[in-house]
Amino acid sequence: MGQFANISGNSNPVQGAFSQNGSNQFDLLQIINPRGGQVVWKLDYTGTVTANPLSWTKDTILGRIPGANWAACFQQNNTNPYNLDILQIMDEGGAVVWLLDYTGTVYSASQL
């Protein structure tokens, strides 16, 4: 989906990269099951991933993707054949400080 910069130097790079989200606190990304419209996966405004969440926001920053689950969207059917990261957030110097990989796993700076 892309690379974003923590331009505000926020201690939470996800919130820094999407500072326009501010007080809205919208989910960044959701996967919606086309059968019934249930959210089956979400990335919230703090950078937390939740499968089968109990709640979610009506609006999102990066969008909603139809699919039965994470794998159906990013791992099956050759949708990401090179297993590229889905999202990366960089600091002002260009170093990746947070990422969401092709498996749906989040890594912060201390884990990279």
PDB file of N, CA and C in Angstrom:
ATOM      1  N   MET A   1       0.822  -1.183   0.000  1.00  0.00           N
ATOM      2  CA  MET A   1       0.000   0.000   0.000  1.00  0.00           C
ATOM      3  C   MET A   1       0.866   1.246   0.000  1.00  0.00           C
ATOM      4  N   GLY A   2       2.066   1.154   0.575  1.00  0.00           N
ATOM      5  CA  GLY A   2       2.915   2.316   0.463  1.00  0.00           C
ATOM      6  C   GLY A   2       3.817   2.576   1.642  1.00  0.00           C
ATOM      7  N   GLN A   3       4.580   3.655   1.471  1.00  0.00           N
ATOM      8  CA  GLN A   3       5.481   4.125   2.505  1.00  0.00           C
ATOM      9  C   GLN A   3       4.991   5.486   2.975  1.00  0.00           C
ATOM     10  N   PHE A   4       5.065   5.685   4.271  1.00  0.00           N
ATOM     11  CA  PHE A   4       4.628   6.928   4.870  1.00  0.00           C
ATOM     12  C   PHE A   4       5.705   7.404   5.836  1.00  0.00           C
ATOM     13  N   ALA A   5       5.706   8.690   6.129  1.00  0.00           N
ATOM     14  CA  ALA A   5       6.729   9.260   7.008  1.00  0.00           C
ATOM     15  C   ALA A   5       6.108   9.761   8.296  1.00  0.00           C
ATOM     16  N   ASN A   6       6.782   9.493   9.385  1.00  0.00           N
ATOM     17  CA  ASN A   6       6.410  10.032  10.692  1.00  0.00           C
ATOM     18  C   ASN A   6       6.961  11.449  10.746  1.00  0.00           C
ATOM     19  N   ILE A   7       6.319  12.352  10.030  1.00  0.00           N
ATOM     20  CA  ILE A   7       6.860  13.702   9.879  1.00  0.00           C
ATOM     21  C   ILE A   7       6.765  14.537  11.153  1.00  0.00           C
ATOM     22  N   SER A   8       5.883  14.134  12.051  1.00  0.00           N
ATOM     23  CA  SER A   8       5.740  14.909  13.281  1.00  0.00           C
ATOM     24  C   SER A   8       6.699  14.453  14.371  1.00  0.00           C
ATOM     25  N   GLY A   9       7.466  13.378  14.121  1.00  0.00           N
ATOM     26  CA  GLY A   9       8.373  12.870  15.134  1.00  0.00           C
ATOM     27  C   GLY A   9       7.641  12.268  16.325  1.00  0.00           C
ATOM     28  N   ASN A  10       6.399  11.860  16.112  1.00  0.00           N
ATOM     29  CA  ASN A  10       5.580  11.288  17.176  1.00  0.00           C
ATOM     30  C   ASN A  10       6.235  10.026  17.719  1.00  0.00           C
ATOM     31  N   SER A  11       6.121   9.780  19.021  1.00  0.00           N
ATOM     32  CA  SER A  11       6.699   8.565  19.600  1.00  0.00           C
ATOM     33  C   SER A  11       5.991   7.316  19.083  1.00  0.00           C
ATOM     34  N   ASN A  12       4.754   7.443  18.628  1.00  0.00           N
ATOM     35  CA  ASN A  12       4.050   6.357  17.944  1.00  0.00           C
ATOM     36  C   ASN A  12       4.107   6.680  16.456  1.00  0.00           C
ATOM     37  N   PRO A  13       4.964   5.986  15.686  1.00  0.00           N
ATOM     38  CA  PRO A  13       5.147   6.344  14.283  1.00  0.00           C
ATOM     39  C   PRO A  13       3.878   6.241  13.446  1.00  0.00           C
ATOM     40  N   VAL A  14       2.962   5.350  13.814  1.00  0.00           N
ATOM     41  CA  VAL A  14       1.708   5.232  13.061  1.00  0.00           C
ATOM     42  C   VAL A  14       0.876   6.496  13.237  1.00  0.00           C
ATOM     43  N   GLN A  15       0.764   6.959  14.465  1.00  0.00           N
ATOM     44  CA  GLN A  15       0.015   8.186  14.698  1.00  0.00           C
ATOM     45  C   GLN A  15       0.722   9.395  14.088  1.00  0.00           C
ATOM     46  N   GLY A  16       2.047   9.366  14.067  1.00  0.00           N
ATOM     47  CA  GLY A  16       2.793  10.454  13.441  1.00  0.00           C
ATOM     48  C   GLY A  16       2.639  10.482  11.935  1.00  0.00           C
ATOM     49  N   ALA A  17       2.558   9.315  11.318  1.00  0.00           N
ATOM     50  CA  ALA A  17       2.411   9.246   9.863  1.00  0.00           C
ATOM     51  C   ALA A  17       1.000   9.609   9.407  1.00  0.00           C
ATOM     52  N   PHE A  18       0.045   9.411  10.278  1.00  0.00           N
ATOM     53  CA  PHE A  18      -1.350   9.705   9.928  1.00  0.00           C
ATOM     54  C   PHE A  18      -1.922  10.732  10.903  1.00  0.00           C
ATOM     55  N   SER A  19      -1.176  11.805  11.097  1.00  0.00           N
ATOM     56  CA  SER A  19      -1.577  12.825  12.065  1.00  0.00           C
ATOM     57  C   SER A  19      -2.901  13.486  11.699  1.00  0.00           C
ATOM     58  N   GLN A  20      -3.290  13.440  10.421  1.00  0.00           N
ATOM     59  CA  GLN A  20      -4.574  14.006  10.014  1.00  0.00           C
ATOM     60  C   GLN A  20      -5.738  13.251  10.634  1.00  0.00           C
ATOM     61  N   ASN A  21      -5.487  12.033  11.112  1.00  0.00           N
ATOM     62  CA  ASN A  21      -6.515  11.233  11.762  1.00  0.00           C
ATOM     63  C   ASN A  21      -6.896  11.848  13.104  1.00  0.00           C
ATOM     64  N   GLY A  22      -5.933  12.480  13.746  1.00  0.00           N
ATOM     65  CA  GLY A  22      -6.149  13.232  14.979  1.00  0.00           C
ATOM     66  C   GLY A  22      -7.161  12.645  15.934  1.00  0.00           C
ATOM     67  N   SER A  23      -8.145  13.448  16.270  1.00  0.00           N
ATOM     68  CA  SER A  23      -9.145  13.028  17.245  1.00  0.00           C
ATOM     69  C   SER A  23     -10.174  12.056  16.658  1.00  0.00           C
ATOM     70  N   ASN A  24     -10.200  11.888  15.336  1.00  0.00           N
ATOM     71  CA  ASN A  24     -11.148  10.937  14.737  1.00  0.00           C
ATOM     72  C   ASN A  24     -10.863   9.506  15.155  1.00  0.00           C
ATOM     73  N   GLN A  25      -9.593   9.172  15.194  1.00  0.00           N
ATOM     74  CA  GLN A  25      -9.152   7.828  15.570  1.00  0.00           C
ATOM     75  C   GLN A  25      -9.801   6.736  14.715  1.00  0.00           C
ATOM     76  N   PHE A  26      -9.893   7.009  13.399  1.00  0.00           N
ATOM     77  CA  PHE A  26     -10.412   6.015  12.468  1.00  0.00           C
ATOM     78  C   PHE A  26      -9.426   4.865  12.320  1.00  0.00           C
ATOM     79  N   ASP A  27      -9.942   3.664  12.061  1.00  0.00           N
ATOM     80  CA  ASP A  27      -9.073   2.560  11.678  1.00  0.00           C
ATOM     81  C   ASP A  27      -8.340   2.976  10.407  1.00  0.00           C
ATOM     82  N   LEU A  28      -7.121   2.470  10.234  1.00  0.00           N
ATOM     83  CA  LEU A  28      -6.381   2.788   9.016  1.00  0.00           C
ATOM     84  C   LEU A  28      -6.818   1.891   7.862  1.00  0.00           C
ATOM     85  N   LEU A  29      -6.981   0.614   8.149  1.00  0.00           N
ATOM     86  CA  LEU A  29      -7.287  -0.356   7.101  1.00  0.00           C
ATOM     87  C   LEU A  29      -8.208  -1.424   7.685  1.00  0.00           C
ATOM     88  N   GLN A  30      -9.156  -1.859   6.867  1.00  0.00           N
ATOM     89  CA  GLN A  30     -10.063  -2.931   7.292  1.00  0.00           C
ATOM     90  C   GLN A  30     -10.224  -3.932   6.152  1.00  0.00           C
ATOM     91  N   ILE A  31     -10.383  -5.195   6.510  1.00  0.00           N
ATOM     92  CA  ILE A  31     -10.778  -6.226   5.555  1.00  0.00           C
ATOM     93  C   ILE A  31     -12.209  -6.600   5.903  1.00  0.00           C
ATOM     94  N   ILE A  32     -13.068  -6.512   4.901  1.00  0.00           N
ATOM     95  CA  ILE A  32     -14.493  -6.727   5.088  1.00  0.00           C
ATOM     96  C   ILE A  32     -14.909  -7.997   4.358  1.00  0.00           C
ATOM     97  N   ASN A  33     -15.545  -8.920   5.066  1.00  0.00           N
ATOM     98  CA  ASN A  33     -16.060 -10.131   4.430  1.00  0.00           C
ATOM     99  C   ASN A  33     -17.213  -9.729   3.520  1.00  0.00           C
ATOM    100  N   PRO A  34     -17.117 -10.057   2.220  1.00  0.00           N
ATOM    101  CA  PRO A  34     -18.174  -9.661   1.297  1.00  0.00           C
ATOM    102  C   PRO A  34     -19.534 -10.289   1.624  1.00  0.00           C
ATOM    103  N   ARG A  35     -19.505 -11.371   2.364  1.00  0.00           N
ATOM    104  CA  ARG A  35     -20.761 -12.005   2.785  1.00  0.00           C
ATOM    105  C   ARG A  35     -21.159 -11.470   4.144  1.00  0.00           C
ATOM    106  N   GLY A  36     -21.998 -10.511   4.161  1.00  0.00           N
ATOM    107  CA  GLY A  36     -22.496  -9.967   5.429  1.00  0.00           C
ATOM    108  C   GLY A  36     -21.866  -8.668   5.866  1.00  0.00           C
ATOM    109  N   GLY A  37     -20.748  -8.275   5.280  1.00  0.00           N
ATOM    110  CA  GLY A  37     -20.133  -6.998   5.606  1.00  0.00           C
ATOM    111  C   GLY A  37     -19.407  -6.935   6.940  1.00  0.00           C
ATOM    112  N   GLN A  38     -19.109  -8.056   7.548  1.00  0.00           N
ATOM    113  CA  GLN A  38     -18.413  -8.104   8.826  1.00  0.00           C
ATOM    114  C   GLN A  38     -16.932  -7.758   8.650  1.00  0.00           C
ATOM    115  N   VAL A  39     -16.387  -6.927   9.522  1.00  0.00           N
ATOM    116  CA  VAL A  39     -14.959  -6.648   9.516  1.00  0.00           C
ATOM    117  C   VAL A  39     -14.261  -7.873  10.105  1.00  0.00           C
ATOM    118  N   VAL A  40     -13.355  -8.467   9.331  1.00  0.00           N
ATOM    119  CA  VAL A  40     -12.650  -9.675   9.781  1.00  0.00           C
ATOM    120  C   VAL A  40     -11.201  -9.395  10.177  1.00  0.00           C
ATOM    121  N   TRP A  41     -10.732  -8.176   9.914  1.00  0.00           N
ATOM    122  CA  TRP A  41      -9.356  -7.791  10.257  1.00  0.00           C
ATOM    123  C   TRP A  41      -9.303  -6.281  10.213  1.00  0.00           C
ATOM    124  N   LYS A  42      -8.538  -5.693  11.146  1.00  0.00           N
ATOM    125  CA  LYS A  42      -8.368  -4.234  11.103  1.00  0.00           C
ATOM    126  C   LYS A  42      -7.002  -3.829  11.637  1.00  0.00           C
ATOM    127  N   LEU A  43      -6.536  -2.696  11.139  1.00  0.00           N
ATOM    128  CA  LEU A  43      -5.355  -2.006  11.643  1.00  0.00           C
ATOM    129  C   LEU A  43      -5.885  -0.696  12.201  1.00  0.00           C
ATOM    130  N   ASP A  44      -5.802  -0.516  13.509  1.00  0.00           N
ATOM    131  CA  ASP A  44      -6.390   0.685  14.100  1.00  0.00           C
ATOM    132  C   ASP A  44      -5.424   1.867  14.067  1.00  0.00           C
ATOM    133  N   TYR A  45      -5.860   2.985  14.586  1.00  0.00           N
ATOM    134  CA  TYR A  45      -5.110   4.235  14.515  1.00  0.00           C
ATOM    135  C   TYR A  45      -3.808   4.201  15.299  1.00  0.00           C
ATOM    136  N   THR A  46      -3.660   3.240  16.223  1.00  0.00           N
ATOM    137  CA  THR A  46      -2.421   3.147  17.002  1.00  0.00           C
ATOM    138  C   THR A  46      -1.402   2.201  16.360  1.00  0.00           C
ATOM    139  N   GLY A  47      -1.845   1.464  15.321  1.00  0.00           N
ATOM    140  CA  GLY A  47      -0.970   0.485  14.693  1.00  0.00           C
ATOM    141  C   GLY A  47      -1.195  -0.922  15.211  1.00  0.00           C
ATOM    142  N   THR A  48      -2.276  -1.126  15.924  1.00  0.00           N
ATOM    143  CA  THR A  48      -2.606  -2.443  16.455  1.00  0.00           C
ATOM    144  C   THR A  48      -3.450  -3.222  15.464  1.00  0.00           C
ATOM    145  N   VAL A  49      -3.062  -4.467  15.233  1.00  0.00           N
ATOM    146  CA  VAL A  49      -3.790  -5.361  14.338  1.00  0.00           C
ATOM    147  C   VAL A  49      -4.736  -6.227  15.167  1.00  0.00           C
ATOM    148  N   THR A  50      -5.972  -6.378  14.683  1.00  0.00           N
ATOM    149  CA  THR A  50      -6.944  -7.236  15.356  1.00  0.00           C
ATOM    150  C   THR A  50      -7.681  -8.071  14.314  1.00  0.00           C
ATOM    151  N   ALA A  51      -7.631  -9.387  14.472  1.00  0.00           N
ATOM    152  CA  ALA A  51      -8.421 -10.287  13.640  1.00  0.00           C
ATOM    153  C   ALA A  51      -9.768 -10.496  14.320  1.00  0.00           C
ATOM    154  N   ASN A  52     -10.811 -10.506  13.520  1.00  0.00           N
ATOM    155  CA  ASN A  52     -12.177 -10.671  14.026  1.00  0.00           C
ATOM    156  C   ASN A  52     -12.486  -9.710  15.169  1.00  0.00           C
ATOM    157  N   PRO A  53     -12.314  -8.401  14.927  1.00  0.00           N
ATOM    158  CA  PRO A  53     -12.534  -7.425  15.997  1.00  0.00           C
ATOM    159  C   PRO A  53     -14.001  -7.356  16.416  1.00  0.00           C
ATOM    160  N   LEU A  54     -14.205  -6.995  17.668  1.00  0.00           N
ATOM    161  CA  LEU A  54     -15.565  -6.812  18.176  1.00  0.00           C
ATOM    162  C   LEU A  54     -16.135  -5.459  17.775  1.00  0.00           C
ATOM    163  N   SER A  55     -15.252  -4.492  17.516  1.00  0.00           N
ATOM    164  CA  SER A  55     -15.706  -3.168  17.093  1.00  0.00           C
ATOM    165  C   SER A  55     -14.729  -2.606  16.067  1.00  0.00           C
ATOM    166  N   TRP A  56     -15.192  -1.631  15.312  1.00  0.00           N
ATOM    167  CA  TRP A  56     -14.388  -0.981  14.285  1.00  0.00           C
ATOM    168  C   TRP A  56     -15.016   0.377  13.988  1.00  0.00           C
ATOM    169  N   THR A  57     -14.298   1.190  13.231  1.00  0.00           N
ATOM    170  CA  THR A  57     -14.811   2.520  12.890  1.00  0.00           C
ATOM    171  C   THR A  57     -15.551   2.464  11.561  1.00  0.00           C
ATOM    172  N   LYS A  58     -16.486   3.369  11.414  1.00  0.00           N
ATOM    173  CA  LYS A  58     -17.292   3.438  10.186  1.00  0.00           C
ATOM    174  C   LYS A  58     -16.425   3.850   8.993  1.00  0.00           C
ATOM    175  N   ASP A  59     -15.528   4.778   9.218  1.00  0.00           N
ATOM    176  CA  ASP A  59     -14.640   5.267   8.164  1.00  0.00           C
ATOM    177  C   ASP A  59     -13.223   4.762   8.409  1.00  0.00           C
ATOM    178  N   THR A  60     -12.410   4.771   7.345  1.00  0.00           N
ATOM    179  CA  THR A  60     -11.007   4.375   7.449  1.00  0.00           C
ATOM    180  C   THR A  60     -10.142   5.405   6.736  1.00  0.00           C
ATOM    181  N   ILE A  61      -8.862   5.393   7.037  1.00  0.00           N
ATOM    182  CA  ILE A  61      -7.929   6.309   6.380  1.00  0.00           C
ATOM    183  C   ILE A  61      -7.445   5.731   5.045  1.00  0.00           C
ATOM    184  N   LEU A  62      -7.038   4.470   5.031  1.00  0.00           N
ATOM    185  CA  LEU A  62      -6.486   3.850   3.822  1.00  0.00           C
ATOM    186  C   LEU A  62      -7.504   3.018   3.048  1.00  0.00           C
ATOM    187  N   GLY A  63      -8.604   2.664   3.672  1.00  0.00           N
ATOM    188  CA  GLY A  63      -9.653   1.989   2.945  1.00  0.00           C
ATOM    189  C   GLY A  63     -10.084   0.662   3.514  1.00  0.00           C
ATOM    190  N   ARG A  64     -11.052   0.105   2.808  1.00  0.00           N
ATOM    191  CA  ARG A  64     -11.622  -1.198   3.136  1.00  0.00           C
ATOM    192  C   ARG A  64     -11.391  -2.120   1.953  1.00  0.00           C
ATOM    193  N   ILE A  65     -10.960  -3.331   2.247  1.00  0.00           N
ATOM    194  CA  ILE A  65     -10.661  -4.302   1.200  1.00  0.00           C
ATOM    195  C   ILE A  65     -11.592  -5.495   1.385  1.00  0.00           C
ATOM    196  N   PRO A  66     -12.268  -5.912   0.323  1.00  0.00           N
ATOM    197  CA  PRO A  66     -13.115  -7.096   0.468  1.00  0.00           C
ATOM    198  C   PRO A  66     -12.286  -8.370   0.530  1.00  0.00           C
ATOM    199  N   GLY A  67     -12.661  -9.267   1.434  1.00  0.00           N
ATOM    200  CA  GLY A  67     -11.964 -10.544   1.543  1.00  0.00           C
ATOM    201  C   GLY A  67     -12.427 -11.311   2.768  1.00  0.00           C
ATOM    202  N   ALA A  68     -12.237 -12.609   2.724  1.00  0.00           N
ATOM    203  CA  ALA A  68     -12.651 -13.456   3.835  1.00  0.00           C
ATOM    204  C   ALA A  68     -11.715 -13.338   5.028  1.00  0.00           C
ATOM    205  N   ASN A  69     -10.443 -12.983   4.766  1.00  0.00           N
ATOM    206  CA  ASN A  69      -9.442 -12.862   5.828  1.00  0.00           C
ATOM    207  C   ASN A  69      -8.178 -12.236   5.240  1.00  0.00           C
ATOM    208  N   TRP A  70      -7.147 -12.100   6.086  1.00  0.00           N
ATOM    209  CA  TRP A  70      -5.888 -11.495   5.636  1.00  0.00           C
ATOM    210  C   TRP A  70      -5.287 -12.264   4.463  1.00  0.00           C
ATOM    211  N   ALA A  71      -5.183 -13.579   4.608  1.00  0.00           N
ATOM    212  CA  ALA A  71      -4.543 -14.398   3.575  1.00  0.00           C
ATOM    213  C   ALA A  71      -5.252 -14.259   2.231  1.00  0.00           C
ATOM    214  N   ALA A  72      -6.561 -14.182   2.250  1.00  0.00           N
ATOM    215  CA  ALA A  72      -7.310 -14.051   1.001  1.00  0.00           C
ATOM    216  C   ALA A  72      -6.974 -12.739   0.286  1.00  0.00           C
ATOM    217  N   CYS A  73      -6.643 -11.726   1.047  1.00  0.00           N
ATOM    218  CA  CYS A  73      -6.329 -10.425   0.444  1.00  0.00           C
ATOM    219  C   CYS A  73      -4.874 -10.277   0.012  1.00  0.00           C
ATOM    220  N   PHE A  74      -3.933 -10.822   0.799  1.00  0.00           N
ATOM    221  CA  PHE A  74      -2.528 -10.513   0.569  1.00  0.00           C
ATOM    222  C   PHE A  74      -1.598 -11.699   0.367  1.00  0.00           C
ATOM    223  N   GLN A  75      -2.093 -12.926   0.516  1.00  0.00           N
ATOM    224  CA  GLN A  75      -1.196 -14.064   0.384  1.00  0.00           C
ATOM    225  C   GLN A  75      -1.652 -15.079  -0.663  1.00  0.00           C
ATOM    226  N   GLN A  76      -2.943 -15.218  -0.860  1.00  0.00           N
ATOM    227  CA  GLN A  76      -3.448 -16.205  -1.807  1.00  0.00           C
ATOM    228  C   GLN A  76      -3.648 -15.582  -3.181  1.00  0.00           C
ATOM    229  N   ASN A  77      -3.837 -16.413  -4.157  1.00  0.00           N
ATOM    230  CA  ASN A  77      -4.162 -15.981  -5.521  1.00  0.00           C
ATOM    231  C   ASN A  77      -3.115 -15.063  -6.130  1.00  0.00           C
ATOM    232  N   ASN A  78      -1.865 -15.208  -5.689  1.00  0.00           N
ATOM    233  CA  ASN A  78      -0.756 -14.446  -6.268  1.00  0.00           C
ATOM    234  C   ASN A  78      -0.954 -12.932  -6.162  1.00  0.00           C
ATOM    235  N   THR A  79      -1.627 -12.475  -5.104  1.00  0.00           N
ATOM    236  CA  THR A  79      -1.869 -11.042  -4.952  1.00  0.00           C
ATOM    237  C   THR A  79      -0.635 -10.272  -4.483  1.00  0.00           C
ATOM    238  N   ASN A  80       0.318 -10.965  -3.875  1.00  0.00           N
ATOM    239  CA  ASN A  80       1.551 -10.333  -3.416  1.00  0.00           C
ATOM    240  C   ASN A  80       2.689 -11.345  -3.645  1.00  0.00           C
ATOM    241  N   PRO A  81       3.002 -11.641  -4.906  1.00  0.00           N
ATOM    242  CA  PRO A  81       3.922 -12.748  -5.212  1.00  0.00           C
ATOM    243  C   PRO A  81       5.328 -12.582  -4.648  1.00  0.00           C
ATOM    244  N   TYR A  82       5.757 -11.363  -4.376  1.00  0.00           N
ATOM    245  CA  TYR A  82       7.103 -11.141  -3.850  1.00  0.00           C
ATOM    246  C   TYR A  82       7.117 -10.967  -2.330  1.00  0.00           C
ATOM    247  N   ASN A  83       5.971 -11.177  -1.691  1.00  0.00           N
ATOM    248  CA  ASN A  83       5.861 -11.047  -0.234  1.00  0.00           C
ATOM    249  C   ASN A  83       6.374  -9.696   0.269  1.00  0.00           C
ATOM    250  N   LEU A  84       5.968  -8.645  -0.422  1.00  0.00           N
ATOM    251  CA  LEU A  84       6.371  -7.294  -0.044  1.00  0.00           C
ATOM    252  C   LEU A  84       5.620  -6.836   1.194  1.00  0.00           C
ATOM    253  N   ASP A  85       6.232  -5.909   1.938  1.00  0.00           N
ATOM    254  CA  ASP A  85       5.542  -5.290   3.060  1.00  0.00           C
ATOM    255  C   ASP A  85       4.319  -4.554   2.530  1.00  0.00           C
ATOM    256  N   ILE A  86       3.279  -4.490   3.341  1.00  0.00           N
ATOM    257  CA  ILE A  86       2.060  -3.787   2.946  1.00  0.00           C
ATOM    258  C   ILE A  86       2.182  -2.299   3.276  1.00  0.00           C
ATOM    259  N   LEU A  87       2.673  -1.989   4.458  1.00  0.00           N
ATOM    260  CA  LEU A  87       2.889  -0.604   4.886  1.00  0.00           C
ATOM    261  C   LEU A  87       4.251  -0.469   5.548  1.00  0.00           C
ATOM    262  N   GLN A  88       4.894   0.638   5.294  1.00  0.00           N
ATOM    263  CA  GLN A  88       6.134   0.986   5.996  1.00  0.00           C
ATOM    264  C   GLN A  88       6.030   2.439   6.440  1.00  0.00           C
ATOM    265  N   ILE A  89       6.529   2.698   7.641  1.00  0.00           N
ATOM    266  CA  ILE A  89       6.615   4.073   8.126  1.00  0.00           C
ATOM    267  C   ILE A  89       8.070   4.353   8.438  1.00  0.00           C
ATOM    268  N   MET A  90       8.538   5.487   7.919  1.00  0.00           N
ATOM    269  CA  MET A  90       9.938   5.873   8.068  1.00  0.00           C
ATOM    270  C   MET A  90      10.055   7.095   8.964  1.00  0.00           C
ATOM    271  N   ASP A  91      11.232   7.234   9.583  1.00  0.00           N
ATOM    272  CA  ASP A  91      11.497   8.467  10.311  1.00  0.00           C
ATOM    273  C   ASP A  91      11.961   9.517   9.312  1.00  0.00           C
ATOM    274  N   GLU A  92      12.244  10.695   9.785  1.00  0.00           N
ATOM    275  CA  GLU A  92      12.634  11.781   8.881  1.00  0.00           C
ATOM    276  C   GLU A  92      13.947  11.510   8.169  1.00  0.00           C
ATOM    277  N   GLY A  93      14.783  10.638   8.700  1.00  0.00           N
ATOM    278  CA  GLY A  93      16.041  10.284   8.057  1.00  0.00           C
ATOM    279  C   GLY A  93      15.894   9.191   7.002  1.00  0.00           C
ATOM    280  N   GLY A  94      14.708   8.606   6.894  1.00  0.00           N
ATOM    281  CA  GLY A  94      14.458   7.581   5.884  1.00  0.00           C
ATOM    282  C   GLY A  94      14.564   6.151   6.377  1.00  0.00           C
ATOM    283  N   ALA A  95      14.843   5.949   7.662  1.00  0.00           N
ATOM    284  CA  ALA A  95      14.921   4.594   8.211  1.00  0.00           C
ATOM    285  C   ALA A  95      13.511   4.081   8.522  1.00  0.00           C
ATOM    286  N   VAL A  96      13.256   2.835   8.183  1.00  0.00           N
ATOM    287  CA  VAL A  96      11.966   2.234   8.494  1.00  0.00           C
ATOM    288  C   VAL A  96      11.881   2.007  10.002  1.00  0.00           C
ATOM    289  N   VAL A  97      10.830   2.541  10.622  1.00  0.00           N
ATOM    290  CA  VAL A  97      10.666   2.428  12.073  1.00  0.00           C
ATOM    291  C   VAL A  97       9.430   1.617  12.464  1.00  0.00           C
ATOM    292  N   TRP A  98       8.610   1.257  11.485  1.00  0.00           N
ATOM    293  CA  TRP A  98       7.410   0.466  11.721  1.00  0.00           C
ATOM    294  C   TRP A  98       6.992  -0.140  10.393  1.00  0.00           C
ATOM    295  N   LEU A  99       6.536  -1.398  10.437  1.00  0.00           N
ATOM    296  CA  LEU A  99       6.029  -1.984   9.197  1.00  0.00           C
ATOM    297  C   LEU A  99       4.970  -3.030   9.466  1.00  0.00           C
ATOM    298  N   LEU A 100       4.124  -3.220   8.466  1.00  0.00           N
ATOM    299  CA  LEU A 100       3.121  -4.270   8.431  1.00  0.00           C
ATOM    300  C   LEU A 100       3.535  -5.169   7.276  1.00  0.00           C
ATOM    301  N   ASP A 101       3.933  -6.402   7.588  1.00  0.00           N
ATOM    302  CA  ASP A 101       4.464  -7.269   6.529  1.00  0.00           C
ATOM    303  C   ASP A 101       3.358  -8.042   5.815  1.00  0.00           C
ATOM    304  N   TYR A 102       3.753  -8.866   4.874  1.00  0.00           N
ATOM    305  CA  TYR A 102       2.803  -9.594   4.027  1.00  0.00           C
ATOM    306  C   TYR A 102       1.988 -10.634   4.787  1.00  0.00           C
ATOM    307  N   THR A 103       2.431 -10.995   5.994  1.00  0.00           N
ATOM    308  CA  THR A 103       1.684 -11.969   6.789  1.00  0.00           C
ATOM    309  C   THR A 103       0.658 -11.296   7.702  1.00  0.00           C
ATOM    310  N   GLY A 104       0.684  -9.966   7.760  1.00  0.00           N
ATOM    311  CA  GLY A 104      -0.210  -9.241   8.655  1.00  0.00           C
ATOM    312  C   GLY A 104       0.406  -8.965  10.005  1.00  0.00           C
ATOM    313  N   THR A 105       1.707  -9.193  10.126  1.00  0.00           N
ATOM    314  CA  THR A 105       2.428  -8.976  11.376  1.00  0.00           C
ATOM    315  C   THR A 105       3.016  -7.566  11.393  1.00  0.00           C
ATOM    316  N   VAL A 106       2.919  -6.917  12.540  1.00  0.00           N
ATOM    317  CA  VAL A 106       3.454  -5.574  12.739  1.00  0.00           C
ATOM    318  C   VAL A 106       4.808  -5.672  13.425  1.00  0.00           C
ATOM    319  N   TYR A 107       5.752  -4.854  12.967  1.00  0.00           N
ATOM    320  CA  TYR A 107       7.083  -4.760  13.587  1.00  0.00           C
ATOM    321  C   TYR A 107       7.373  -3.303  13.875  1.00  0.00           C
ATOM    322  N   SER A 108       7.875  -3.024  15.086  1.00  0.00           N
ATOM    323  CA  SER A 108       8.279  -1.680  15.447  1.00  0.00           C
ATOM    324  C   SER A 108       9.799  -1.570  15.338  1.00  0.00           C
ATOM    325  N   ALA A 109      10.297  -0.372  15.549  1.00  0.00           N
ATOM    326  CA  ALA A 109      11.735  -0.098  15.380  1.00  0.00           C
ATOM    327  C   ALA A 109      12.607  -1.057  16.183  1.00  0.00           C
ATOM    328  N   SER A 110      12.199  -1.382  17.392  1.00  0.00           N
ATOM    329  CA  SER A 110      13.022  -2.251  18.233  1.00  0.00           C
ATOM    330  C   SER A 110      13.075  -3.686  17.716  1.00  0.00           C
ATOM    331  N   GLN A 111      12.175  -4.054  16.823  1.00  0.00           N
ATOM    332  CA  GLN A 111      12.121  -5.404  16.285  1.00  0.00           C
ATOM    333  C   GLN A 111      12.734  -5.523  14.890  1.00  0.00           C
ATOM    334  N   LEU A 112      13.085  -4.386  14.309  1.00  0.00           N
ATOM    335  CA  LEU A 112      13.624  -4.407  12.930  1.00  0.00           C
ATOM    336  C   LEU A 112      15.122  -4.595  12.914  1.00  0.00           C
TER     337      LEU A 112
END
